[in-house]
Amino acid sequence: MDSITLDILDMAEAVRLARTGEARAIRQRCGVNASAVGAACGVSASAITRWESGDRRPTGMPAIAWVRLLRELDKADRRSR
């Protein structure tokens, strides 16, 4: 797959993770606060909180960075169990 297709798929995944509450569950299970996630994705902690609560939809490159970070956190958590 080309990079544009991967970005689009990651955007859809970001929306799904936010909508289902899975994003917050991953972050909390891994013991990472919203400030750290926001800093890694180039947004504020309040943006992360709004995405996780469904007040806003994650969009753009920050959303792609967010879903990729969540994916890595989830993988690391699964390996540590």
Protein backbone atom coordinates (compact mmCIF):
# COMPACT_ATOMS: atom_id res chain seq x y z
CA MET A 1 0.00 0.00 0.00
CA ASP A 2 1.17 3.52 -0.65
CA SER A 3 1.66 6.04 2.13
CA ILE A 4 -1.49 8.03 1.31
CA THR A 5 -3.62 4.91 1.64
CA LEU A 6 -1.95 4.06 4.96
CA ASP A 7 -2.59 7.61 6.22
CA ILE A 8 -6.27 7.36 5.28
CA LEU A 9 -6.59 4.00 7.02
CA ASP A 10 -4.88 5.42 10.10
CA MET A 11 -7.28 8.40 10.11
CA ALA A 12 -10.24 6.02 10.05
CA GLU A 13 -8.66 4.01 12.87
CA ALA A 14 -8.13 7.18 14.93
CA VAL A 15 -11.82 8.02 14.65
CA ARG A 16 -12.79 4.46 15.60
CA LEU A 17 -10.46 4.37 18.61
CA ALA A 18 -11.83 7.70 19.83
CA ARG A 19 -15.48 6.77 19.24
CA THR A 20 -15.26 3.42 21.03
CA GLY A 21 -13.24 4.66 24.01
CA GLU A 22 -10.45 2.25 23.18
CA ALA A 23 -7.93 5.09 22.78
CA ARG A 24 -8.39 6.26 26.35
CA ALA A 25 -8.30 2.67 27.62
CA ILE A 26 -4.97 2.01 25.88
CA ARG A 27 -3.45 5.25 27.16
CA GLN A 28 -4.59 4.70 30.73
CA ARG A 29 -3.64 1.01 30.76
CA CYS A 30 -0.12 2.01 29.71
CA GLY A 31 0.07 4.69 32.40
CA VAL A 32 0.65 7.56 29.98
CA ASN A 33 -0.99 10.92 30.64
CA ALA A 34 -2.75 13.04 28.03
CA SER A 35 0.00 15.68 28.22
CA ALA A 36 2.68 13.22 27.14
CA VAL A 37 0.54 11.85 24.33
CA GLY A 38 -0.35 15.35 23.16
CA ALA A 39 3.28 16.43 23.18
CA ALA A 40 4.27 13.40 21.13
CA CYS A 41 1.51 14.14 18.60
CA GLY A 42 1.93 17.92 18.41
CA VAL A 43 -1.32 18.84 20.15
CA SER A 44 -2.36 19.88 23.64
CA ALA A 45 -3.47 17.55 26.40
CA SER A 46 -6.93 19.09 26.10
CA ALA A 47 -7.07 18.09 22.43
CA ILE A 48 -6.34 14.49 23.42
CA THR A 49 -9.01 14.67 26.11
CA ARG A 50 -11.55 16.11 23.65
CA TRP A 51 -10.76 13.36 21.13
CA GLU A 52 -11.09 10.67 23.78
CA SER A 53 -14.38 12.06 25.09
CA GLY A 54 -15.89 12.41 21.63
CA ASP A 55 -16.16 16.19 21.81
CA ARG A 56 -13.90 16.51 18.74
CA ARG A 57 -12.84 14.22 15.93
CA PRO A 58 -9.13 13.60 15.53
CA THR A 59 -7.95 14.93 12.17
CA GLY A 60 -4.83 15.59 10.15
CA MET A 61 -1.27 14.58 10.85
CA PRO A 62 -1.71 14.80 14.65
CA ALA A 63 -4.46 12.17 14.43
CA ILE A 64 -2.23 9.92 12.35
CA ALA A 65 0.61 10.36 14.86
CA TRP A 66 -1.86 9.65 17.68
CA VAL A 67 -3.14 6.37 16.27
CA ARG A 68 0.39 5.20 15.48
CA LEU A 69 1.50 6.03 19.02
CA LEU A 70 -1.51 4.22 20.48
CA ARG A 71 -0.74 1.21 18.32
CA GLU A 72 2.83 1.09 19.64
CA LEU A 73 1.70 1.55 23.24
CA ASP A 74 -0.80 -1.28 22.83
CA LYS A 75 1.84 -3.58 21.31
CA ALA A 76 4.29 -2.84 24.12
CA ASP A 77 1.59 -3.47 26.72
CA ARG A 78 0.63 -6.80 25.14
CA ARG A 79 4.26 -7.92 25.02
CA SER A 80 4.76 -7.08 28.70
CA ARG A 81 1.88 -9.30 29.85
